[in-house]
Amino acid sequence: MVLRNPYDATLADYKRQMSGSHTGNLEKSDFENEIWRKFIDQHMHRWFGSAVWFPLFAEKSKIPMLIIYYEDMKVTDCYYNLHLF
């Protein structure tokens, strides 16, 4: 499971949905509205639900799970680290 910190995950998903692109940019005004506030509530609820539920499900089901933090993948040699397992 690749897990990204909730702030960056929420921001990236909002920018992707509002701009229609994975590399799109938004203006400050795009964050000063009710759409952004509702998006935060919905996305954070979904993020925390997934971050807690998936590991618990895997443990109960005896499914091996490796949690990799997205931020660690950006600053380390992920290929090397995965071979440690």
N, C-alpha and C. Protein backbone atom coordinates (compact mmCIF):
# COMPACT_ATOMS: atom_id res chain seq x y z
N MET A 1 0.85 -1.16 0.00
CA MET A 1 0.00 0.00 0.00
C MET A 1 0.90 1.23 0.00
N VAL A 2 0.68 2.12 -0.94
CA VAL A 2 1.40 3.39 -0.97
C VAL A 2 0.50 4.42 -0.29
N LEU A 3 1.05 5.03 0.73
CA LEU A 3 0.28 5.98 1.54
C LEU A 3 0.95 7.35 1.47
N ARG A 4 0.17 8.33 1.08
CA ARG A 4 0.68 9.71 1.01
C ARG A 4 0.11 10.51 2.17
N ASN A 5 0.83 11.50 2.66
CA ASN A 5 0.32 12.28 3.79
C ASN A 5 -1.00 12.95 3.38
N PRO A 6 -1.93 13.07 4.31
CA PRO A 6 -3.27 13.52 3.96
C PRO A 6 -3.34 14.92 3.36
N TYR A 7 -2.49 15.81 3.79
CA TYR A 7 -2.52 17.17 3.25
C TYR A 7 -2.16 17.17 1.77
N ASP A 8 -1.01 16.57 1.44
CA ASP A 8 -0.57 16.56 0.05
C ASP A 8 -1.50 15.74 -0.84
N ALA A 9 -2.03 14.63 -0.31
CA ALA A 9 -2.96 13.81 -1.09
C ALA A 9 -4.23 14.59 -1.42
N THR A 10 -4.75 15.30 -0.44
CA THR A 10 -5.98 16.09 -0.65
C THR A 10 -5.73 17.22 -1.63
N LEU A 11 -4.65 17.94 -1.46
CA LEU A 11 -4.32 19.05 -2.34
C LEU A 11 -4.12 18.57 -3.78
N ALA A 12 -3.38 17.49 -3.96
CA ALA A 12 -3.11 16.97 -5.31
C ALA A 12 -4.40 16.50 -5.98
N ASP A 13 -5.26 15.83 -5.23
CA ASP A 13 -6.50 15.33 -5.82
C ASP A 13 -7.43 16.49 -6.20
N TYR A 14 -7.50 17.49 -5.37
CA TYR A 14 -8.33 18.67 -5.67
C TYR A 14 -7.82 19.37 -6.93
N LYS A 15 -6.52 19.57 -6.99
CA LYS A 15 -5.94 20.24 -8.17
C LYS A 15 -6.18 19.42 -9.43
N ARG A 16 -6.07 18.10 -9.32
CA ARG A 16 -6.29 17.23 -10.48
C ARG A 16 -7.74 17.33 -10.95
N GLN A 17 -8.67 17.26 -10.00
CA GLN A 17 -10.08 17.30 -10.37
C GLN A 17 -10.52 18.67 -10.90
N MET A 18 -10.04 19.72 -10.29
CA MET A 18 -10.47 21.07 -10.70
C MET A 18 -9.82 21.51 -12.01
N SER A 19 -8.57 21.09 -12.24
CA SER A 19 -7.88 21.52 -13.46
C SER A 19 -8.06 20.52 -14.60
N GLY A 20 -8.48 19.29 -14.27
CA GLY A 20 -8.62 18.26 -15.29
C GLY A 20 -7.30 17.69 -15.77
N SER A 21 -6.25 17.90 -14.97
CA SER A 21 -4.91 17.46 -15.36
C SER A 21 -4.11 17.08 -14.11
N HIS A 22 -3.19 16.13 -14.28
CA HIS A 22 -2.31 15.76 -13.17
C HIS A 22 -1.24 16.81 -12.91
N THR A 23 -1.05 17.70 -13.85
CA THR A 23 -0.02 18.73 -13.70
C THR A 23 -0.59 20.14 -13.70
N GLY A 24 -1.90 20.24 -13.58
CA GLY A 24 -2.56 21.55 -13.63
C GLY A 24 -2.32 22.38 -12.38
N ASN A 25 -2.44 23.66 -12.53
CA ASN A 25 -2.31 24.59 -11.42
C ASN A 25 -3.61 25.33 -11.22
N LEU A 26 -3.83 25.79 -10.00
CA LEU A 26 -5.03 26.55 -9.66
C LEU A 26 -4.64 27.91 -9.11
N GLU A 27 -5.60 28.80 -9.14
CA GLU A 27 -5.42 30.12 -8.57
C GLU A 27 -5.81 30.10 -7.10
N LYS A 28 -5.35 31.10 -6.36
CA LYS A 28 -5.71 31.21 -4.95
C LYS A 28 -7.22 31.23 -4.77
N SER A 29 -7.93 31.86 -5.68
CA SER A 29 -9.39 31.95 -5.57
C SER A 29 -10.07 30.59 -5.66
N ASP A 30 -9.41 29.60 -6.27
CA ASP A 30 -9.98 28.26 -6.35
C ASP A 30 -10.06 27.58 -4.98
N PHE A 31 -9.35 28.12 -4.01
CA PHE A 31 -9.34 27.56 -2.66
C PHE A 31 -10.16 28.40 -1.67
N GLU A 32 -10.74 29.45 -2.16
CA GLU A 32 -11.51 30.36 -1.30
C GLU A 32 -12.99 30.22 -1.58
N ASN A 33 -13.47 28.99 -1.51
CA ASN A 33 -14.88 28.76 -1.81
C ASN A 33 -15.39 27.54 -1.06
N GLU A 34 -16.68 27.35 -1.14
CA GLU A 34 -17.32 26.23 -0.44
C GLU A 34 -16.97 24.88 -1.06
N ILE A 35 -16.68 24.87 -2.35
CA ILE A 35 -16.29 23.62 -3.01
C ILE A 35 -15.04 23.04 -2.36
N TRP A 36 -14.03 23.89 -2.12
CA TRP A 36 -12.79 23.45 -1.49
C TRP A 36 -13.05 22.96 -0.07
N ARG A 37 -13.85 23.68 0.69
CA ARG A 37 -14.13 23.27 2.08
C ARG A 37 -14.87 21.94 2.13
N LYS A 38 -15.81 21.72 1.25
CA LYS A 38 -16.52 20.44 1.20
C LYS A 38 -15.59 19.32 0.74
N PHE A 39 -14.73 19.65 -0.21
CA PHE A 39 -13.78 18.66 -0.72
C PHE A 39 -12.85 18.18 0.39
N ILE A 40 -12.37 19.11 1.21
CA ILE A 40 -11.49 18.74 2.32
C ILE A 40 -12.19 17.75 3.23
N ASP A 41 -13.40 18.05 3.64
CA ASP A 41 -14.14 17.15 4.53
C ASP A 41 -14.31 15.77 3.92
N GLN A 42 -14.74 15.71 2.68
CA GLN A 42 -14.98 14.43 2.04
C GLN A 42 -13.69 13.65 1.83
N HIS A 43 -12.68 14.33 1.34
CA HIS A 43 -11.42 13.64 1.03
C HIS A 43 -10.71 13.16 2.29
N MET A 44 -10.70 13.97 3.33
CA MET A 44 -10.04 13.56 4.57
C MET A 44 -10.75 12.37 5.20
N HIS A 45 -12.06 12.36 5.14
CA HIS A 45 -12.82 11.23 5.66
C HIS A 45 -12.45 9.96 4.89
N ARG A 46 -12.39 10.07 3.57
CA ARG A 46 -12.01 8.91 2.74
C ARG A 46 -10.57 8.50 3.00
N TRP A 47 -9.65 9.47 3.12
CA TRP A 47 -8.24 9.14 3.35
C TRP A 47 -8.06 8.39 4.66
N PHE A 48 -8.61 8.93 5.74
CA PHE A 48 -8.44 8.28 7.04
C PHE A 48 -9.13 6.92 7.07
N GLY A 49 -10.29 6.81 6.43
CA GLY A 49 -10.96 5.51 6.37
C GLY A 49 -10.10 4.47 5.68
N SER A 50 -9.50 4.83 4.57
CA SER A 50 -8.63 3.89 3.84
C SER A 50 -7.35 3.59 4.59
N ALA A 51 -6.74 4.61 5.16
CA ALA A 51 -5.46 4.44 5.86
C ALA A 51 -5.61 3.53 7.07
N VAL A 52 -6.78 3.52 7.68
CA VAL A 52 -7.02 2.67 8.85
C VAL A 52 -7.61 1.33 8.44
N TRP A 53 -8.57 1.34 7.50
CA TRP A 53 -9.30 0.12 7.17
C TRP A 53 -8.43 -0.92 6.45
N PHE A 54 -7.68 -0.52 5.43
CA PHE A 54 -6.92 -1.49 4.65
C PHE A 54 -5.93 -2.29 5.49
N PRO A 55 -5.11 -1.66 6.34
CA PRO A 55 -4.20 -2.47 7.16
C PRO A 55 -4.94 -3.40 8.13
N LEU A 56 -6.06 -2.95 8.70
CA LEU A 56 -6.82 -3.81 9.60
C LEU A 56 -7.42 -5.00 8.85
N PHE A 57 -7.95 -4.74 7.65
CA PHE A 57 -8.49 -5.82 6.83
C PHE A 57 -7.41 -6.83 6.47
N ALA A 58 -6.25 -6.33 6.07
CA ALA A 58 -5.15 -7.22 5.72
C ALA A 58 -4.72 -8.07 6.91
N GLU A 59 -4.66 -7.47 8.07
CA GLU A 59 -4.26 -8.22 9.26
C GLU A 59 -5.29 -9.30 9.60
N LYS A 60 -6.56 -8.95 9.60
CA LYS A 60 -7.62 -9.92 9.89
C LYS A 60 -7.66 -11.04 8.86
N SER A 61 -7.40 -10.70 7.61
CA SER A 61 -7.45 -11.68 6.52
C SER A 61 -6.14 -12.42 6.34
N LYS A 62 -5.16 -12.07 7.15
CA LYS A 62 -3.81 -12.66 7.08
C LYS A 62 -3.19 -12.45 5.69
N ILE A 63 -3.42 -11.28 5.15
CA ILE A 63 -2.83 -10.88 3.87
C ILE A 63 -1.60 -10.03 4.17
N PRO A 64 -0.43 -10.44 3.71
CA PRO A 64 0.76 -9.62 3.95
C PRO A 64 0.60 -8.24 3.32
N MET A 65 1.01 -7.24 4.06
CA MET A 65 0.90 -5.88 3.54
C MET A 65 2.17 -5.11 3.88
N LEU A 66 2.66 -4.42 2.90
CA LEU A 66 3.80 -3.53 3.08
C LEU A 66 3.31 -2.12 2.84
N ILE A 67 3.48 -1.26 3.82
CA ILE A 67 3.08 0.14 3.66
C ILE A 67 4.32 0.94 3.28
N ILE A 68 4.21 1.61 2.16
CA ILE A 68 5.29 2.47 1.67
C ILE A 68 4.77 3.90 1.67
N TYR A 69 5.50 4.79 2.27
CA TYR A 69 5.09 6.18 2.32
C TYR A 69 5.58 6.89 1.06
N TYR A 70 4.67 7.52 0.36
CA TYR A 70 4.95 8.20 -0.90
C TYR A 70 6.12 9.17 -0.75
N GLU A 71 6.13 9.91 0.33
CA GLU A 71 7.20 10.90 0.53
C GLU A 71 8.57 10.24 0.64
N ASP A 72 8.63 9.03 1.19
CA ASP A 72 9.90 8.31 1.26
C ASP A 72 10.36 7.86 -0.12
N MET A 73 9.41 7.53 -0.98
CA MET A 73 9.75 7.11 -2.34
C MET A 73 10.39 8.26 -3.11
N LYS A 74 10.01 9.47 -2.81
CA LYS A 74 10.54 10.63 -3.53
C LYS A 74 11.99 10.93 -3.14
N VAL A 75 12.39 10.56 -1.93
CA VAL A 75 13.72 10.97 -1.46
C VAL A 75 14.68 9.81 -1.26
N THR A 76 14.23 8.58 -1.45
CA THR A 76 15.12 7.45 -1.27
C THR A 76 15.10 6.57 -2.51
N ASP A 77 16.01 5.64 -2.54
CA ASP A 77 16.06 4.66 -3.62
C ASP A 77 15.06 3.56 -3.30
N CYS A 78 13.84 3.74 -3.76
CA CYS A 78 12.76 2.81 -3.44
C CYS A 78 13.10 1.40 -3.93
N TYR A 79 13.71 1.28 -5.07
CA TYR A 79 14.06 -0.03 -5.62
C TYR A 79 14.96 -0.78 -4.63
N TYR A 80 15.96 -0.09 -4.12
CA TYR A 80 16.86 -0.70 -3.14
C TYR A 80 16.11 -1.08 -1.88
N ASN A 81 15.28 -0.19 -1.36
CA ASN A 81 14.58 -0.46 -0.12
C ASN A 81 13.61 -1.64 -0.23
N LEU A 82 12.96 -1.78 -1.37
CA LEU A 82 12.03 -2.90 -1.55
C LEU A 82 12.77 -4.23 -1.57
N HIS A 83 14.02 -4.25 -2.01
CA HIS A 83 14.77 -5.49 -2.04
C HIS A 83 15.23 -5.92 -0.64
N LEU A 84 15.07 -5.06 0.33
CA LEU A 84 15.42 -5.43 1.70
C LEU A 84 14.40 -6.40 2.29
N PHE A 85 13.22 -6.47 1.69
CA PHE A 85 12.16 -7.33 2.21
C PHE A 85 12.24 -8.65 1.57
